[in-house]
Structure formats: C-alpha cells, structure tokens
Amino acid sequence: MLTLASLPWIGLQEDYGGGGGGLLAAGCGMVMFLVWAVVVVAVIAGLWKVFVKAGKPGWAAIVPIYNFIVMLEIVGKPIWWIVLMLIPVVNLVVAIIVSIALAEKFGKSAAYGIGIALLGFIFIPMLGFGDARYQG
C-alpha cells in the first residue's frame, strides 16, 4: 500500500521549532524595500526640481531616455550624446562629463559634479531642493 510516509520526498517533516526565521527575513526585506523606495522618491523629486529650476517640464524626470535628453539640453551638450550612453565604459565618461556640466550650470564646482555622478542619490536632491540657481 502506498502512503505519504512511504514517499520520503512527500513524507511528514519534523518540526524543530523556530519558524520565525522566515518572518525575520520578510521583515528585513520589507525594511530594505522601504529604504530603497524613499531614496528613489527623493531622487525623482530632486531631479524634478532641477528640471523645473532649469525651465524644463518636471515630469520629464520620470520618463526614461527623455530625461537624459532634457538633461543634455540643460547642460548644453548635443542630443546625439545619447548614443554615447549605449557604449560601455564611454557611458561612464559621458555621465561624469554631464554631471560636472550640470553642477557648473547651477554654480557648483566640478567636485560637486563628480558627487552627482558617483552619489547622485545624495547630490541630486541637494541640488534640487537647495538654494542653487540655474545660470543657463
């Protein structure tokens, strides 16, 4: 006769207590998700404010690819640079150049621009919500 106990992969499992590990992992995952969500919202809001300060539509900050086109317009670089963003390694150099140009358009130093490139989640909200003015 075939029973569940005779099938080892379906058989009953011993309960050794615990069971809170899954709950703890879920809680940690939820906290990490909330922190990530707050950072993403702060960056989007900061970029939105940067675009508005530069006289561009704020909603462009949430549209992929178009937001980089608007960024190129703000910093005065040619639109064809969007193609350079598709080339590995070159895109890193272009991102740093655009970040430095963005900082300079708002009266900040090149070091601030490197901060935007490397720690954008900190420097973009600072630029958007700070007292920096767009200098065209």
Protein backbone atom coordinates (compact mmCIF):
# COMPACT_ATOMS: atom_id res chain seq x y z
CA MET A 1 0.00 0.00 0.00
CA LEU A 2 1.29 3.48 -0.92
CA THR A 3 1.16 6.06 1.87
CA LEU A 4 2.63 9.53 2.31
CA ALA A 5 5.09 8.17 4.86
CA SER A 6 6.47 5.72 2.29
CA LEU A 7 7.35 8.57 -0.08
CA PRO A 8 10.33 10.33 1.51
CA TRP A 9 10.10 13.48 -0.58
CA ILE A 10 6.45 13.97 0.41
CA GLY A 11 6.65 12.50 3.90
CA LEU A 12 5.86 14.41 7.02
CA GLN A 13 8.53 16.75 8.31
CA GLU A 14 9.65 17.01 11.89
CA ASP A 15 9.07 20.39 13.44
CA TYR A 16 12.17 21.52 15.28
CA GLY A 17 10.71 24.80 16.49
CA GLY A 18 11.72 28.16 15.21
CA GLY A 19 9.85 29.21 12.15
CA GLY A 20 10.50 32.84 12.97
CA GLY A 21 13.45 32.96 10.60
CA GLY A 22 11.19 33.41 7.61
CA LEU A 23 9.27 36.15 9.38
CA LEU A 24 12.51 37.89 10.34
CA ALA A 25 13.78 37.69 6.75
CA ALA A 26 10.49 39.08 5.45
CA GLY A 27 10.70 41.94 7.93
CA CYS A 28 14.27 42.78 6.92
CA GLY A 29 13.26 42.63 3.27
CA MET A 30 10.36 44.99 3.88
CA VAL A 31 12.61 47.48 5.69
CA MET A 32 15.13 47.37 2.84
CA PHE A 33 12.34 47.91 0.32
CA LEU A 34 11.03 50.92 2.23
CA VAL A 35 14.50 52.48 2.45
CA TRP A 36 15.00 51.89 -1.28
CA ALA A 37 11.58 53.41 -2.07
CA VAL A 38 12.33 56.54 -0.01
CA VAL A 39 15.67 57.01 -1.80
CA VAL A 40 14.06 56.56 -5.23
CA VAL A 41 11.30 59.06 -4.44
CA ALA A 42 13.88 61.57 -3.13
CA VAL A 43 15.98 61.28 -6.30
CA ILE A 44 12.96 61.62 -8.59
CA ALA A 45 11.68 64.62 -6.63
CA GLY A 46 15.14 66.21 -6.65
CA LEU A 47 15.55 65.69 -10.39
CA TRP A 48 12.03 67.05 -10.94
CA LYS A 49 13.04 70.23 -9.05
CA VAL A 50 16.30 70.51 -11.01
CA PHE A 51 14.36 70.36 -14.28
CA VAL A 52 11.85 72.97 -13.09
CA LYS A 53 14.67 75.29 -11.96
CA ALA A 54 16.18 74.98 -15.46
CA GLY A 55 12.88 75.88 -17.11
CA LYS A 56 12.10 72.37 -18.33
CA PRO A 57 9.00 70.30 -17.51
CA GLY A 58 9.38 68.48 -14.20
CA TRP A 59 7.51 65.41 -15.41
CA ALA A 60 10.41 64.72 -17.78
CA ALA A 61 12.31 63.39 -14.76
CA ILE A 62 10.17 60.25 -14.71
CA VAL A 63 10.33 59.40 -18.41
CA PRO A 64 13.25 57.10 -19.25
CA ILE A 65 15.63 58.23 -22.01
CA TYR A 66 13.72 61.50 -22.41
CA ASN A 67 15.02 62.63 -19.03
CA PHE A 68 18.59 62.26 -20.29
CA ILE A 69 17.70 64.19 -23.47
CA VAL A 70 16.35 67.01 -21.29
CA MET A 71 19.48 66.81 -19.13
CA LEU A 72 21.63 67.21 -22.27
CA GLU A 73 19.58 70.28 -23.23
CA ILE A 74 20.05 71.76 -19.75
CA VAL A 75 23.83 71.32 -19.79
CA GLY A 76 24.17 72.45 -23.42
CA LYS A 77 25.52 69.22 -24.87
CA PRO A 78 24.42 67.84 -28.27
CA ILE A 79 21.49 65.43 -28.30
CA TRP A 80 23.48 62.81 -30.21
CA TRP A 81 25.40 62.15 -26.98
CA ILE A 82 22.50 59.85 -26.10
CA VAL A 83 24.15 57.37 -28.50
CA LEU A 84 27.34 57.52 -26.43
CA MET A 85 25.35 56.33 -23.43
CA LEU A 86 24.86 53.00 -25.23
CA ILE A 87 28.61 52.29 -25.42
CA PRO A 88 30.09 50.53 -22.38
CA VAL A 89 32.75 52.49 -20.48
CA VAL A 90 32.15 55.52 -22.72
CA ASN A 91 28.81 55.96 -20.96
CA LEU A 92 30.62 56.33 -17.62
CA VAL A 93 32.80 59.11 -19.02
CA VAL A 94 29.79 60.84 -20.58
CA ALA A 95 27.85 60.58 -17.30
CA ILE A 96 30.71 62.23 -15.41
CA ILE A 97 31.06 65.00 -18.03
CA VAL A 98 27.31 65.68 -17.98
CA SER A 99 27.25 65.66 -14.18
CA ILE A 100 30.10 68.17 -13.97
CA ALA A 101 28.41 70.36 -16.58
CA LEU A 102 25.14 70.19 -14.62
CA ALA A 103 26.89 71.26 -11.44
CA GLU A 104 28.56 74.16 -13.24
CA LYS A 105 25.23 75.29 -14.75
CA PHE A 106 23.96 75.62 -11.18
CA GLY A 107 27.06 77.45 -9.94
CA LYS A 108 28.64 74.46 -8.21
CA SER A 109 32.17 73.12 -8.50
CA ALA A 110 33.46 70.20 -10.56
CA ALA A 111 33.83 68.24 -7.31
CA TYR A 112 30.09 68.65 -6.78
CA GLY A 113 29.58 67.31 -10.31
CA ILE A 114 31.64 64.24 -9.51
CA GLY A 115 29.47 63.85 -6.42
CA ILE A 116 26.41 63.89 -8.66
CA ALA A 117 27.97 61.21 -10.86
CA LEU A 118 29.04 58.91 -8.02
CA LEU A 119 26.49 59.64 -5.27
CA GLY A 120 23.55 61.00 -7.23
CA PHE A 121 21.05 59.80 -4.63
CA ILE A 122 22.55 62.38 -2.24
CA PHE A 123 23.66 65.22 -4.52
CA ILE A 124 20.66 65.43 -6.88
CA PRO A 125 18.13 66.08 -4.08
CA MET A 126 20.60 68.58 -2.57
CA LEU A 127 20.79 70.38 -5.91
CA GLY A 128 17.04 70.30 -6.48
CA PHE A 129 15.93 71.33 -3.01
CA GLY A 130 18.89 73.59 -2.23
CA ASP A 131 19.30 77.27 -2.97
CA ALA A 132 21.29 76.77 -6.21
CA ARG A 133 20.00 78.76 -9.18
CA TYR A 134 20.21 77.76 -12.82
CA GLN A 135 22.64 80.06 -14.61
CA GLY A 136 21.87 78.97 -18.17
